[in-house]
Amino acid sequence: MTNMIATTDICTYHEVEYTFISSLSEAGLVKLKVVNKTTYITESELQKLERMIRLHNELEINVAGIEAITHLLERVEQMQEEMRRLRNKITGG
């Protein structure tokens, strides 16, 4: 599987339960793929997952909290992008 990592490897490496990753997937926070009864995550989703694992492990934030934080961070990114577009429009850039 190129560009995909088994969730069992992630669980072992980060010392998290699969149920945590599954809960993140059910909440729509990460996308998992099942191939031959093995669950994988793509490399493009891995960075998001690792950030969520850190929030969970280091700050003891549950899935609902991670969902709220993720939503707020996405909104901040959207606002920053809108500000960048408006700034470029004003300055003619």
N, C-alpha and C. Protein backbone atom coordinates (compact mmCIF):
# COMPACT_ATOMS: atom_id res chain seq x y z
N MET A 1 0.84 -1.18 0.00
CA MET A 1 0.00 0.00 0.00
C MET A 1 0.89 1.25 0.00
N THR A 2 1.02 1.87 -1.13
CA THR A 2 1.81 3.10 -1.17
C THR A 2 1.02 4.26 -0.60
N ASN A 3 1.71 5.08 0.14
CA ASN A 3 1.13 6.28 0.74
C ASN A 3 0.01 5.99 1.74
N MET A 4 -0.04 4.77 2.26
CA MET A 4 -1.02 4.44 3.29
C MET A 4 -0.31 3.71 4.44
N ILE A 5 -0.77 3.98 5.65
CA ILE A 5 -0.16 3.40 6.84
C ILE A 5 -1.25 2.68 7.62
N ALA A 6 -0.96 1.46 8.05
CA ALA A 6 -1.94 0.69 8.82
C ALA A 6 -2.20 1.38 10.15
N THR A 7 -3.48 1.46 10.52
CA THR A 7 -3.82 2.12 11.79
C THR A 7 -3.25 1.34 12.97
N THR A 8 -3.05 0.03 12.81
CA THR A 8 -2.46 -0.73 13.91
C THR A 8 -1.03 -0.26 14.19
N ASP A 9 -0.30 0.12 13.13
CA ASP A 9 1.06 0.66 13.31
C ASP A 9 1.02 2.00 14.02
N ILE A 10 0.04 2.83 13.67
CA ILE A 10 -0.11 4.14 14.31
C ILE A 10 -0.45 3.96 15.78
N CYS A 11 -1.36 3.03 16.06
CA CYS A 11 -1.75 2.77 17.45
C CYS A 11 -0.55 2.33 18.29
N THR A 12 0.25 1.46 17.73
CA THR A 12 1.43 0.97 18.44
C THR A 12 2.43 2.10 18.66
N TYR A 13 2.71 2.86 17.60
CA TYR A 13 3.71 3.92 17.68
C TYR A 13 3.31 5.01 18.66
N HIS A 14 2.03 5.42 18.60
CA HIS A 14 1.56 6.53 19.42
C HIS A 14 0.92 6.08 20.74
N GLU A 15 0.85 4.78 20.94
CA GLU A 15 0.25 4.21 22.15
C GLU A 15 -1.17 4.71 22.38
N VAL A 16 -2.01 4.58 21.35
CA VAL A 16 -3.42 4.93 21.46
C VAL A 16 -4.25 3.71 21.06
N GLU A 17 -5.47 3.67 21.56
CA GLU A 17 -6.39 2.60 21.23
C GLU A 17 -6.98 2.85 19.85
N TYR A 18 -7.28 1.76 19.15
CA TYR A 18 -7.92 1.90 17.84
C TYR A 18 -9.27 2.59 17.96
N THR A 19 -9.97 2.36 19.08
CA THR A 19 -11.28 2.97 19.26
C THR A 19 -11.21 4.50 19.20
N PHE A 20 -10.10 5.06 19.65
CA PHE A 20 -9.92 6.52 19.57
C PHE A 20 -9.87 6.96 18.11
N ILE A 21 -9.07 6.28 17.31
CA ILE A 21 -8.95 6.62 15.89
C ILE A 21 -10.29 6.39 15.19
N SER A 22 -10.95 5.31 15.54
CA SER A 22 -12.26 5.00 14.96
C SER A 22 -13.27 6.09 15.30
N SER A 23 -13.23 6.58 16.53
CA SER A 23 -14.14 7.66 16.95
C SER A 23 -13.87 8.94 16.17
N LEU A 24 -12.60 9.23 15.91
CA LEU A 24 -12.26 10.40 15.10
C LEU A 24 -12.81 10.24 13.68
N SER A 25 -12.73 9.04 13.16
CA SER A 25 -13.24 8.77 11.82
C SER A 25 -14.76 8.91 11.80
N GLU A 26 -15.43 8.35 12.80
CA GLU A 26 -16.89 8.45 12.88
C GLU A 26 -17.36 9.89 13.00
N ALA A 27 -16.55 10.73 13.62
CA ALA A 27 -16.88 12.16 13.76
C ALA A 27 -16.56 12.94 12.48
N GLY A 28 -15.96 12.26 11.51
CA GLY A 28 -15.62 12.92 10.25
C GLY A 28 -14.34 13.73 10.30
N LEU A 29 -13.52 13.47 11.31
CA LEU A 29 -12.29 14.26 11.48
C LEU A 29 -11.11 13.71 10.70
N VAL A 30 -11.10 12.40 10.46
CA VAL A 30 -10.07 11.77 9.64
C VAL A 30 -10.75 10.74 8.74
N LYS A 31 -10.13 10.49 7.60
CA LYS A 31 -10.67 9.51 6.66
C LYS A 31 -9.81 8.25 6.72
N LEU A 32 -10.47 7.12 6.94
CA LEU A 32 -9.79 5.84 6.96
C LEU A 32 -10.22 5.02 5.75
N LYS A 33 -9.35 4.12 5.32
CA LYS A 33 -9.66 3.23 4.20
C LYS A 33 -9.45 1.80 4.66
N VAL A 34 -10.36 0.94 4.25
CA VAL A 34 -10.25 -0.48 4.59
C VAL A 34 -9.89 -1.24 3.32
N VAL A 35 -8.78 -1.98 3.40
CA VAL A 35 -8.33 -2.81 2.29
C VAL A 35 -8.04 -4.19 2.85
N ASN A 36 -8.71 -5.20 2.34
CA ASN A 36 -8.53 -6.58 2.80
C ASN A 36 -8.64 -6.68 4.32
N LYS A 37 -9.67 -6.08 4.87
CA LYS A 37 -10.00 -6.12 6.30
C LYS A 37 -8.98 -5.42 7.20
N THR A 38 -8.06 -4.67 6.59
CA THR A 38 -7.09 -3.89 7.36
C THR A 38 -7.41 -2.41 7.15
N THR A 39 -7.40 -1.66 8.25
CA THR A 39 -7.72 -0.24 8.17
C THR A 39 -6.44 0.57 8.02
N TYR A 40 -6.48 1.50 7.08
CA TYR A 40 -5.33 2.34 6.77
C TYR A 40 -5.73 3.81 6.83
N ILE A 41 -4.71 4.64 6.96
CA ILE A 41 -4.89 6.08 6.81
C ILE A 41 -3.88 6.54 5.77
N THR A 42 -4.28 7.50 4.95
CA THR A 42 -3.36 8.00 3.93
C THR A 42 -2.35 8.94 4.57
N GLU A 43 -1.23 9.08 3.91
CA GLU A 43 -0.20 9.99 4.43
C GLU A 43 -0.72 11.42 4.53
N SER A 44 -1.61 11.80 3.62
CA SER A 44 -2.15 13.16 3.66
C SER A 44 -3.02 13.39 4.90
N GLU A 45 -3.63 12.34 5.44
CA GLU A 45 -4.45 12.46 6.64
C GLU A 45 -3.63 12.28 7.92
N LEU A 46 -2.44 11.72 7.78
CA LEU A 46 -1.63 11.37 8.95
C LEU A 46 -1.27 12.58 9.80
N GLN A 47 -0.91 13.69 9.17
CA GLN A 47 -0.53 14.88 9.94
C GLN A 47 -1.70 15.35 10.81
N LYS A 48 -2.91 15.36 10.24
CA LYS A 48 -4.10 15.75 11.03
C LYS A 48 -4.29 14.79 12.19
N LEU A 49 -4.18 13.49 11.91
CA LEU A 49 -4.38 12.49 12.95
C LEU A 49 -3.35 12.66 14.07
N GLU A 50 -2.10 12.86 13.72
CA GLU A 50 -1.07 13.01 14.74
C GLU A 50 -1.30 14.25 15.60
N ARG A 51 -1.80 15.34 15.01
CA ARG A 51 -2.13 16.53 15.78
C ARG A 51 -3.25 16.20 16.78
N MET A 52 -4.24 15.44 16.34
CA MET A 52 -5.35 15.06 17.21
C MET A 52 -4.90 14.11 18.32
N ILE A 53 -3.98 13.23 18.01
CA ILE A 53 -3.43 12.33 19.03
C ILE A 53 -2.69 13.13 20.09
N ARG A 54 -1.92 14.14 19.66
CA ARG A 54 -1.22 15.00 20.63
C ARG A 54 -2.20 15.75 21.53
N LEU A 55 -3.27 16.28 20.94
CA LEU A 55 -4.29 16.97 21.75
C LEU A 55 -4.87 16.01 22.79
N HIS A 56 -5.11 14.79 22.37
CA HIS A 56 -5.71 13.78 23.25
C HIS A 56 -4.73 13.36 24.35
N ASN A 57 -3.51 13.03 23.96
CA ASN A 57 -2.53 12.50 24.91
C ASN A 57 -1.93 13.57 25.82
N GLU A 58 -1.52 14.68 25.25
CA GLU A 58 -0.81 15.70 26.02
C GLU A 58 -1.74 16.62 26.80
N LEU A 59 -2.92 16.90 26.24
CA LEU A 59 -3.84 17.83 26.88
C LEU A 59 -5.10 17.14 27.41
N GLU A 60 -5.18 15.83 27.20
CA GLU A 60 -6.30 15.02 27.68
C GLU A 60 -7.65 15.54 27.16
N ILE A 61 -7.68 15.91 25.88
CA ILE A 61 -8.90 16.40 25.25
C ILE A 61 -9.61 15.22 24.60
N ASN A 62 -10.93 15.12 24.84
CA ASN A 62 -11.70 14.02 24.27
C ASN A 62 -12.09 14.32 22.82
N VAL A 63 -12.75 13.36 22.19
CA VAL A 63 -13.09 13.48 20.77
C VAL A 63 -13.98 14.70 20.52
N ALA A 64 -14.96 14.94 21.38
CA ALA A 64 -15.85 16.10 21.21
C ALA A 64 -15.05 17.40 21.27
N GLY A 65 -14.10 17.49 22.18
CA GLY A 65 -13.24 18.66 22.28
C GLY A 65 -12.36 18.83 21.05
N ILE A 66 -11.83 17.72 20.57
CA ILE A 66 -10.99 17.76 19.37
C ILE A 66 -11.82 18.21 18.17
N GLU A 67 -13.07 17.74 18.12
CA GLU A 67 -13.96 18.14 17.04
C GLU A 67 -14.19 19.66 17.07
N ALA A 68 -14.42 20.21 18.25
CA ALA A 68 -14.64 21.65 18.40
C ALA A 68 -13.38 22.43 18.02
N ILE A 69 -12.24 21.98 18.49
CA ILE A 69 -10.97 22.65 18.19
C ILE A 69 -10.70 22.62 16.69
N THR A 70 -10.91 21.48 16.07
CA THR A 70 -10.68 21.34 14.64
C THR A 70 -11.58 22.28 13.85
N HIS A 71 -12.84 22.35 14.24
CA HIS A 71 -13.78 23.25 13.57
C HIS A 71 -13.32 24.71 13.71
N LEU A 72 -12.92 25.10 14.91
CA LEU A 72 -12.46 26.47 15.13
C LEU A 72 -11.19 26.78 14.33
N LEU A 73 -10.26 25.83 14.28
CA LEU A 73 -9.03 26.04 13.51
C LEU A 73 -9.33 26.17 12.02
N GLU A 74 -10.29 25.39 11.52
CA GLU A 74 -10.68 25.50 10.12
C GLU A 74 -11.28 26.87 9.84
N ARG A 75 -12.10 27.38 10.76
CA ARG A 75 -12.70 28.71 10.60
C ARG A 75 -11.61 29.79 10.61
N VAL A 76 -10.64 29.67 11.49
CA VAL A 76 -9.54 30.65 11.53
C VAL A 76 -8.78 30.64 10.20
N GLU A 77 -8.50 29.44 9.68
CA GLU A 77 -7.80 29.33 8.40
C GLU A 77 -8.61 29.97 7.28
N GLN A 78 -9.94 29.75 7.28
CA GLN A 78 -10.80 30.36 6.26
C GLN A 78 -10.76 31.88 6.37
N MET A 79 -10.81 32.39 7.59
CA MET A 79 -10.78 33.84 7.79
C MET A 79 -9.44 34.42 7.35
N GLN A 80 -8.35 33.72 7.65
CA GLN A 80 -7.04 34.20 7.23
C GLN A 80 -6.94 34.24 5.71
N GLU A 81 -7.50 33.22 5.05
CA GLU A 81 -7.49 33.18 3.59
C GLU A 81 -8.32 34.32 3.03
N GLU A 82 -9.47 34.58 3.62
CA GLU A 82 -10.32 35.69 3.18
C GLU A 82 -9.60 37.02 3.37
N MET A 83 -8.92 37.20 4.48
CA MET A 83 -8.16 38.43 4.73
C MET A 83 -7.05 38.59 3.70
N ARG A 84 -6.39 37.50 3.37
CA ARG A 84 -5.32 37.54 2.37
C ARG A 84 -5.89 37.96 1.01
N ARG A 85 -7.04 37.39 0.63
CA ARG A 85 -7.67 37.75 -0.64
C ARG A 85 -8.06 39.21 -0.67
N LEU A 86 -8.66 39.69 0.43
CA LEU A 86 -9.07 41.09 0.50
C LEU A 86 -7.88 42.03 0.45
N ARG A 87 -6.81 41.66 1.17
CA ARG A 87 -5.59 42.47 1.18
C ARG A 87 -5.01 42.55 -0.23
N ASN A 88 -5.00 41.43 -0.96
CA ASN A 88 -4.48 41.42 -2.32
C ASN A 88 -5.36 42.26 -3.24
N LYS A 89 -6.66 42.22 -3.00
CA LYS A 89 -7.60 43.00 -3.81
C LYS A 89 -7.38 44.50 -3.60
N ILE A 90 -7.16 44.89 -2.35
CA ILE A 90 -6.95 46.30 -2.02
C ILE A 90 -5.63 46.80 -2.58
N THR A 91 -4.59 46.00 -2.43
CA THR A 91 -3.26 46.44 -2.86
C THR A 91 -3.01 46.16 -4.33
N GLY A 92 -3.96 45.50 -4.98
CA GLY A 92 -3.79 45.21 -6.42
C GLY A 92 -2.84 44.07 -6.66
N GLY A 93 -2.52 43.28 -5.61
CA GLY A 93 -1.57 42.19 -5.73
C GLY A 93 -2.23 40.97 -6.14
